[in-house]
Amino acid sequence: MRITRRRGMTLSILELALLIGVTVFLLTGAWAANTQGELADRVVRLHVIANSDAEEDQALKLQVRDAVLARTEAILRASADREEAESWLAAALPELERLAEETVAASGFDYGVTAELAETSFPTKDYDGFSLPAGRYLALRLVIGQGTGQNWWCVVFPPLCTAAASEVPETALAAGLTEDQVSLMTGEDDGYVLKFKVVEWWEELWQKLER
């Protein structure tokens, strides 16, 4: 069976189905990119990379994480949105780097630490009380020593790393996230698992195309 088009051209059912599929994929991809992008515009993640996968280096990573989390929570307490949070963190980078190095030294290691704010790709991640889709996010990155070990990441603004699961919605809303975004993050949005998968597939596709 064929469907007649203008000027005598024809389009088969298979071709039509393929065209529809490509259109749906592109529209879904645009939605996915927009959804992740809107979330990324409202959060700052914390990314701590260990010197190596050795047991002592992984334990050290968590000590650095705890020290930096405590300090950044105090620094960002008055931040009204991500723009303010980014500004405060940028100004505090030397202090945070020094704090991390002092923590490393106090534990008996001589590794250096590099602190920076950078756009970073993350996979989909489930936390206690919320999830974030795969994509690129602004992150406060602390690289310990060689930075070849397993890493740890969470959300430093809003302070969701330290918030109890029951406090996540209120904390996120106070930082400027919308109710729809919070519902998506906390799993209250119907179909959120599928939506996150679509975002993840789209992110993986773009990473392959960029290589």
C-alpha atoms as a PDB file:
ATOM      1  CA  MET A   1       0.000   0.000   0.000  1.00  0.00           C
ATOM      2  CA  ARG A   2       1.315   3.466  -0.841  1.00  0.00           C
ATOM      3  CA  ILE A   3       0.112   6.944   0.072  1.00  0.00           C
ATOM      4  CA  THR A   4      -0.056   9.406  -2.837  1.00  0.00           C
ATOM      5  CA  ARG A   5       1.566  12.795  -2.415  1.00  0.00           C
ATOM      6  CA  ARG A   6       1.538  15.868  -4.623  1.00  0.00           C
ATOM      7  CA  ARG A   7       3.299  15.917  -8.006  1.00  0.00           C
ATOM      8  CA  GLY A   8       2.936  12.197  -8.389  1.00  0.00           C
ATOM      9  CA  MET A   9       5.352  11.280  -5.550  1.00  0.00           C
ATOM     10  CA  THR A  10       4.473   8.382  -3.277  1.00  0.00           C
ATOM     11  CA  LEU A  11       5.295   7.552   0.302  1.00  0.00           C
ATOM     12  CA  SER A  12       5.191   3.987   1.608  1.00  0.00           C
ATOM     13  CA  ILE A  13       3.756   3.047   4.986  1.00  0.00           C
ATOM     14  CA  LEU A  14       7.268   2.089   6.138  1.00  0.00           C
ATOM     15  CA  GLU A  15       8.688   5.433   5.043  1.00  0.00           C
ATOM     16  CA  LEU A  16       5.833   7.262   6.760  1.00  0.00           C
ATOM     17  CA  ALA A  17       6.374   5.317   9.982  1.00  0.00           C
ATOM     18  CA  LEU A  18      10.095   6.073   9.837  1.00  0.00           C
ATOM     19  CA  LEU A  19       9.410   9.776   9.282  1.00  0.00           C
ATOM     20  CA  ILE A  20       7.008   9.857  12.219  1.00  0.00           C
ATOM     21  CA  GLY A  21       9.511   7.996  14.393  1.00  0.00           C
ATOM     22  CA  VAL A  22      12.307  10.440  13.576  1.00  0.00           C
ATOM     23  CA  THR A  23      10.005  13.388  14.280  1.00  0.00           C
ATOM     24  CA  VAL A  24       8.932  11.966  17.635  1.00  0.00           C
ATOM     25  CA  PHE A  25      12.552  11.232  18.535  1.00  0.00           C
ATOM     26  CA  LEU A  26      13.650  14.782  17.728  1.00  0.00           C
ATOM     27  CA  LEU A  27      10.752  16.309  19.659  1.00  0.00           C
ATOM     28  CA  THR A  28      11.393  14.010  22.617  1.00  0.00           C
ATOM     29  CA  GLY A  29      15.076  14.854  22.503  1.00  0.00           C
ATOM     30  CA  ALA A  30      14.306  18.565  22.516  1.00  0.00           C
ATOM     31  CA  TRP A  31      12.047  18.062  25.524  1.00  0.00           C
ATOM     32  CA  ALA A  32      14.730  15.998  27.278  1.00  0.00           C
ATOM     33  CA  ALA A  33      17.428  18.605  26.702  1.00  0.00           C
ATOM     34  CA  ASN A  34      15.114  21.370  27.897  1.00  0.00           C
ATOM     35  CA  THR A  35      14.075  19.472  31.031  1.00  0.00           C
ATOM     36  CA  GLN A  36      17.643  18.702  32.055  1.00  0.00           C
ATOM     37  CA  GLY A  37      18.810  22.189  31.113  1.00  0.00           C
ATOM     38  CA  GLU A  38      16.198  23.877  33.285  1.00  0.00           C
ATOM     39  CA  LEU A  39      17.213  21.747  36.266  1.00  0.00           C
ATOM     40  CA  ALA A  40      20.902  22.391  35.610  1.00  0.00           C
ATOM     41  CA  ASP A  41      20.260  26.149  35.613  1.00  0.00           C
ATOM     42  CA  ARG A  42      19.101  25.911  39.229  1.00  0.00           C
ATOM     43  CA  VAL A  43      21.621  23.637  40.919  1.00  0.00           C
ATOM     44  CA  VAL A  44      25.347  23.345  41.635  1.00  0.00           C
ATOM     45  CA  ARG A  45      26.773  19.892  42.203  1.00  0.00           C
ATOM     46  CA  LEU A  46      29.724  18.834  44.339  1.00  0.00           C
ATOM     47  CA  HIS A  47      32.217  16.460  42.703  1.00  0.00           C
ATOM     48  CA  VAL A  48      35.079  15.002  44.758  1.00  0.00           C
ATOM     49  CA  ILE A  49      37.602  12.805  42.911  1.00  0.00           C
ATOM     50  CA  ALA A  50      39.900  10.549  44.948  1.00  0.00           C
ATOM     51  CA  ASN A  51      43.617  10.154  44.306  1.00  0.00           C
ATOM     52  CA  SER A  52      43.123   6.437  43.582  1.00  0.00           C
ATOM     53  CA  ASP A  53      40.872   3.474  44.350  1.00  0.00           C
ATOM     54  CA  ALA A  54      43.068   2.398  47.262  1.00  0.00           C
ATOM     55  CA  GLU A  55      41.047   1.983  50.455  1.00  0.00           C
ATOM     56  CA  GLU A  56      42.880   4.773  52.270  1.00  0.00           C
ATOM     57  CA  ASP A  57      42.423   7.185  49.341  1.00  0.00           C
ATOM     58  CA  GLN A  58      38.706   6.446  49.167  1.00  0.00           C
ATOM     59  CA  ALA A  59      38.372   7.078  52.913  1.00  0.00           C
ATOM     60  CA  LEU A  60      40.325  10.335  52.483  1.00  0.00           C
ATOM     61  CA  LYS A  61      37.930  11.398  49.731  1.00  0.00           C
ATOM     62  CA  LEU A  62      35.030  11.191  52.183  1.00  0.00           C
ATOM     63  CA  GLN A  63      36.919  13.210  54.787  1.00  0.00           C
ATOM     64  CA  VAL A  64      37.507  15.961  52.225  1.00  0.00           C
ATOM     65  CA  ARG A  65      33.850  15.757  51.212  1.00  0.00           C
ATOM     66  CA  ASP A  66      32.664  16.234  54.800  1.00  0.00           C
ATOM     67  CA  ALA A  67      34.957  19.203  55.426  1.00  0.00           C
ATOM     68  CA  VAL A  68      33.997  20.949  52.178  1.00  0.00           C
ATOM     69  CA  LEU A  69      30.275  20.262  52.629  1.00  0.00           C
ATOM     70  CA  ALA A  70      30.277  21.832  56.071  1.00  0.00           C
ATOM     71  CA  ARG A  71      32.044  24.958  54.804  1.00  0.00           C
ATOM     72  CA  THR A  72      30.028  25.379  51.593  1.00  0.00           C
ATOM     73  CA  GLU A  73      26.767  25.034  53.507  1.00  0.00           C
ATOM     74  CA  ALA A  74      27.799  28.015  55.611  1.00  0.00           C
ATOM     75  CA  ILE A  75      29.009  29.983  52.571  1.00  0.00           C
ATOM     76  CA  LEU A  76      25.821  29.391  50.574  1.00  0.00           C
ATOM     77  CA  ARG A  77      23.310  29.793  53.379  1.00  0.00           C
ATOM     78  CA  ALA A  78      22.215  33.240  52.148  1.00  0.00           C
ATOM     79  CA  SER A  79      22.225  32.384  48.412  1.00  0.00           C
ATOM     80  CA  ALA A  80      18.846  33.017  46.808  1.00  0.00           C
ATOM     81  CA  ASP A  81      19.549  31.267  43.489  1.00  0.00           C
ATOM     82  CA  ARG A  82      22.191  29.445  41.476  1.00  0.00           C
ATOM     83  CA  GLU A  83      23.700  32.664  40.146  1.00  0.00           C
ATOM     84  CA  GLU A  84      24.430  33.875  43.660  1.00  0.00           C
ATOM     85  CA  ALA A  85      25.673  30.440  44.682  1.00  0.00           C
ATOM     86  CA  GLU A  86      28.095  30.365  41.752  1.00  0.00           C
ATOM     87  CA  SER A  87      29.404  33.824  42.637  1.00  0.00           C
ATOM     88  CA  TRP A  88      29.996  32.912  46.287  1.00  0.00           C
ATOM     89  CA  LEU A  89      31.684  29.631  45.386  1.00  0.00           C
ATOM     90  CA  ALA A  90      33.934  31.263  42.792  1.00  0.00           C
ATOM     91  CA  ALA A  91      35.145  33.734  45.409  1.00  0.00           C
ATOM     92  CA  ALA A  92      35.676  30.944  47.941  1.00  0.00           C
ATOM     93  CA  LEU A  93      37.652  28.574  45.681  1.00  0.00           C
ATOM     94  CA  PRO A  94      41.068  29.405  47.217  1.00  0.00           C
ATOM     95  CA  GLU A  95      39.656  28.908  50.706  1.00  0.00           C
ATOM     96  CA  LEU A  96      37.987  25.596  49.801  1.00  0.00           C
ATOM     97  CA  GLU A  97      41.139  24.337  48.097  1.00  0.00           C
ATOM     98  CA  ARG A  98      43.181  25.225  51.171  1.00  0.00           C
ATOM     99  CA  LEU A  99      40.629  23.550  53.458  1.00  0.00           C
ATOM    100  CA  ALA A 100      40.777  20.369  51.391  1.00  0.00           C
ATOM    101  CA  GLU A 101      44.592  20.359  51.450  1.00  0.00           C
ATOM    102  CA  GLU A 102      44.607  20.886  55.226  1.00  0.00           C
ATOM    103  CA  THR A 103      42.228  17.949  55.599  1.00  0.00           C
ATOM    104  CA  VAL A 104      44.509  15.806  53.443  1.00  0.00           C
ATOM    105  CA  ALA A 105      47.593  16.824  55.428  1.00  0.00           C
ATOM    106  CA  ALA A 106      45.871  16.225  58.774  1.00  0.00           C
ATOM    107  CA  SER A 107      45.223  12.660  57.626  1.00  0.00           C
ATOM    108  CA  GLY A 108      48.919  12.096  56.951  1.00  0.00           C
ATOM    109  CA  PHE A 109      48.989  12.486  53.153  1.00  0.00           C
ATOM    110  CA  ASP A 110      50.873  14.982  51.007  1.00  0.00           C
ATOM    111  CA  TYR A 111      48.537  15.091  47.998  1.00  0.00           C
ATOM    112  CA  GLY A 112      47.738  18.425  46.433  1.00  0.00           C
ATOM    113  CA  VAL A 113      44.122  19.403  45.769  1.00  0.00           C
ATOM    114  CA  THR A 114      42.678  21.387  42.872  1.00  0.00           C
ATOM    115  CA  ALA A 115      39.365  23.197  43.349  1.00  0.00           C
ATOM    116  CA  GLU A 116      37.407  24.591  40.414  1.00  0.00           C
ATOM    117  CA  LEU A 117      33.931  25.395  39.123  1.00  0.00           C
ATOM    118  CA  ALA A 118      33.346  23.574  35.843  1.00  0.00           C
ATOM    119  CA  GLU A 119      30.587  22.282  33.608  1.00  0.00           C
ATOM    120  CA  THR A 120      30.678  18.528  34.152  1.00  0.00           C
ATOM    121  CA  SER A 121      28.787  15.571  32.656  1.00  0.00           C
ATOM    122  CA  PHE A 122      27.008  13.329  35.157  1.00  0.00           C
ATOM    123  CA  PRO A 123      25.005  10.114  34.711  1.00  0.00           C
ATOM    124  CA  THR A 124      21.501   9.713  36.128  1.00  0.00           C
ATOM    125  CA  LYS A 125      21.866   9.475  39.899  1.00  0.00           C
ATOM    126  CA  ASP A 126      19.476   8.434  42.687  1.00  0.00           C
ATOM    127  CA  TYR A 127      19.943   9.960  46.115  1.00  0.00           C
ATOM    128  CA  ASP A 128      18.032   9.694  49.372  1.00  0.00           C
ATOM    129  CA  GLY A 129      14.731  11.375  48.551  1.00  0.00           C
ATOM    130  CA  PHE A 130      15.447  12.640  45.044  1.00  0.00           C
ATOM    131  CA  SER A 131      17.070  11.915  41.668  1.00  0.00           C
ATOM    132  CA  LEU A 132      18.725  13.961  38.939  1.00  0.00           C
ATOM    133  CA  PRO A 133      18.784  13.112  35.222  1.00  0.00           C
ATOM    134  CA  ALA A 134      21.983  12.656  33.251  1.00  0.00           C
ATOM    135  CA  GLY A 135      23.499  15.749  31.679  1.00  0.00           C
ATOM    136  CA  ARG A 136      25.893  18.629  32.147  1.00  0.00           C
ATOM    137  CA  TYR A 137      25.789  20.580  35.405  1.00  0.00           C
ATOM    138  CA  LEU A 138      27.908  23.282  36.992  1.00  0.00           C
ATOM    139  CA  ALA A 139      29.990  21.512  39.634  1.00  0.00           C
ATOM    140  CA  LEU A 140      32.353  22.437  42.415  1.00  0.00           C
ATOM    141  CA  ARG A 141      35.126  19.939  41.618  1.00  0.00           C
ATOM    142  CA  LEU A 142      37.846  18.923  44.053  1.00  0.00           C
ATOM    143  CA  VAL A 143      40.528  16.703  42.530  1.00  0.00           C
ATOM    144  CA  ILE A 144      42.740  15.022  45.112  1.00  0.00           C
ATOM    145  CA  GLY A 145      46.282  14.126  44.011  1.00  0.00           C
ATOM    146  CA  GLN A 146      46.270  12.229  40.711  1.00  0.00           C
ATOM    147  CA  GLY A 147      42.460  12.186  40.628  1.00  0.00           C
ATOM    148  CA  THR A 148      42.262   8.667  39.182  1.00  0.00           C
ATOM    149  CA  GLY A 149      40.028   7.116  41.848  1.00  0.00           C
ATOM    150  CA  GLN A 150      36.292   6.659  42.107  1.00  0.00           C
ATOM    151  CA  ASN A 151      34.467   9.912  42.651  1.00  0.00           C
ATOM    152  CA  TRP A 152      31.599  11.131  44.822  1.00  0.00           C
ATOM    153  CA  TRP A 153      28.982  13.651  43.801  1.00  0.00           C
ATOM    154  CA  CYS A 154      25.827  15.240  45.110  1.00  0.00           C
ATOM    155  CA  VAL A 155      24.131  18.671  45.104  1.00  0.00           C
ATOM    156  CA  VAL A 156      25.684  21.484  47.092  1.00  0.00           C
ATOM    157  CA  PHE A 157      23.128  24.104  46.016  1.00  0.00           C
ATOM    158  CA  PRO A 158      20.396  23.732  47.036  1.00  0.00           C
ATOM    159  CA  PRO A 159      21.960  21.919  50.048  1.00  0.00           C
ATOM    160  CA  LEU A 160      20.348  18.601  49.149  1.00  0.00           C
ATOM    161  CA  CYS A 161      23.455  16.602  50.133  1.00  0.00           C
ATOM    162  CA  THR A 162      22.787  17.295  53.782  1.00  0.00           C
ATOM    163  CA  ALA A 163      18.983  17.616  53.719  1.00  0.00           C
ATOM    164  CA  ALA A 164      16.843  14.791  55.075  1.00  0.00           C
ATOM    165  CA  ALA A 165      14.659  13.089  52.459  1.00  0.00           C
ATOM    166  CA  SER A 166      11.544  14.698  53.960  1.00  0.00           C
ATOM    167  CA  GLU A 167      13.133  18.166  53.654  1.00  0.00           C
ATOM    168  CA  VAL A 168      14.152  17.879  49.979  1.00  0.00           C
ATOM    169  CA  PRO A 169      10.975  19.421  48.451  1.00  0.00           C
ATOM    170  CA  GLU A 170      10.984  22.434  50.770  1.00  0.00           C
ATOM    171  CA  THR A 171      14.736  22.973  50.353  1.00  0.00           C
ATOM    172  CA  ALA A 172      14.534  22.759  46.556  1.00  0.00           C
ATOM    173  CA  LEU A 173      11.539  25.102  46.315  1.00  0.00           C
ATOM    174  CA  ALA A 174      13.283  27.660  48.516  1.00  0.00           C
ATOM    175  CA  ALA A 175      16.194  27.687  46.039  1.00  0.00           C
ATOM    176  CA  GLY A 176      13.961  28.577  43.100  1.00  0.00           C
ATOM    177  CA  LEU A 177      13.068  25.192  41.620  1.00  0.00           C
ATOM    178  CA  THR A 178       9.504  24.885  40.362  1.00  0.00           C
ATOM    179  CA  GLU A 179       6.937  22.487  41.772  1.00  0.00           C
ATOM    180  CA  ASP A 180       7.055  20.478  38.528  1.00  0.00           C
ATOM    181  CA  GLN A 181      10.848  20.156  38.764  1.00  0.00           C
ATOM    182  CA  VAL A 182      10.652  19.091  42.394  1.00  0.00           C
ATOM    183  CA  SER A 183       7.962  16.528  41.551  1.00  0.00           C
ATOM    184  CA  LEU A 184      10.179  15.151  38.805  1.00  0.00           C
ATOM    185  CA  MET A 185      13.203  14.961  41.114  1.00  0.00           C
ATOM    186  CA  THR A 186      11.328  13.327  43.993  1.00  0.00           C
ATOM    187  CA  GLY A 187       9.516  10.754  41.857  1.00  0.00           C
ATOM    188  CA  GLU A 188       6.053  12.219  42.389  1.00  0.00           C
ATOM    189  CA  ASP A 189       5.778  12.941  38.657  1.00  0.00           C
ATOM    190  CA  ASP A 190       4.046  10.054  36.864  1.00  0.00           C
ATOM    191  CA  GLY A 191       6.444   8.466  34.427  1.00  0.00           C
ATOM    192  CA  TYR A 192       9.530  10.155  35.846  1.00  0.00           C
ATOM    193  CA  VAL A 193      11.624   6.984  35.367  1.00  0.00           C
ATOM    194  CA  LEU A 194      10.884   6.936  31.630  1.00  0.00           C
ATOM    195  CA  LYS A 195      11.493  10.681  31.377  1.00  0.00           C
ATOM    196  CA  PHE A 196      14.885  10.322  33.042  1.00  0.00           C
ATOM    197  CA  LYS A 197      15.742   7.477  30.656  1.00  0.00           C
ATOM    198  CA  VAL A 198      14.891   9.664  27.665  1.00  0.00           C
ATOM    199  CA  VAL A 199      17.183  12.401  29.022  1.00  0.00           C
ATOM    200  CA  GLU A 200      19.940   9.817  29.551  1.00  0.00           C
ATOM    201  CA  TRP A 201      19.598   8.370  26.024  1.00  0.00           C
ATOM    202  CA  TRP A 202      19.686  11.843  24.499  1.00  0.00           C
ATOM    203  CA  GLU A 203      22.757  12.833  26.527  1.00  0.00           C
ATOM    204  CA  GLU A 204      24.571   9.650  25.485  1.00  0.00           C
ATOM    205  CA  LEU A 205      23.724  10.288  21.834  1.00  0.00           C
ATOM    206  CA  TRP A 206      25.114  13.825  21.916  1.00  0.00           C
ATOM    207  CA  GLN A 207      28.284  12.675  23.658  1.00  0.00           C
ATOM    208  CA  LYS A 208      28.846  10.138  20.857  1.00  0.00           C
ATOM    209  CA  LEU A 209      28.179  12.745  18.164  1.00  0.00           C
ATOM    210  CA  GLU A 210      30.655  15.160  19.781  1.00  0.00           C
ATOM    211  CA  ARG A 211      33.534  12.645  19.619  1.00  0.00           C
END
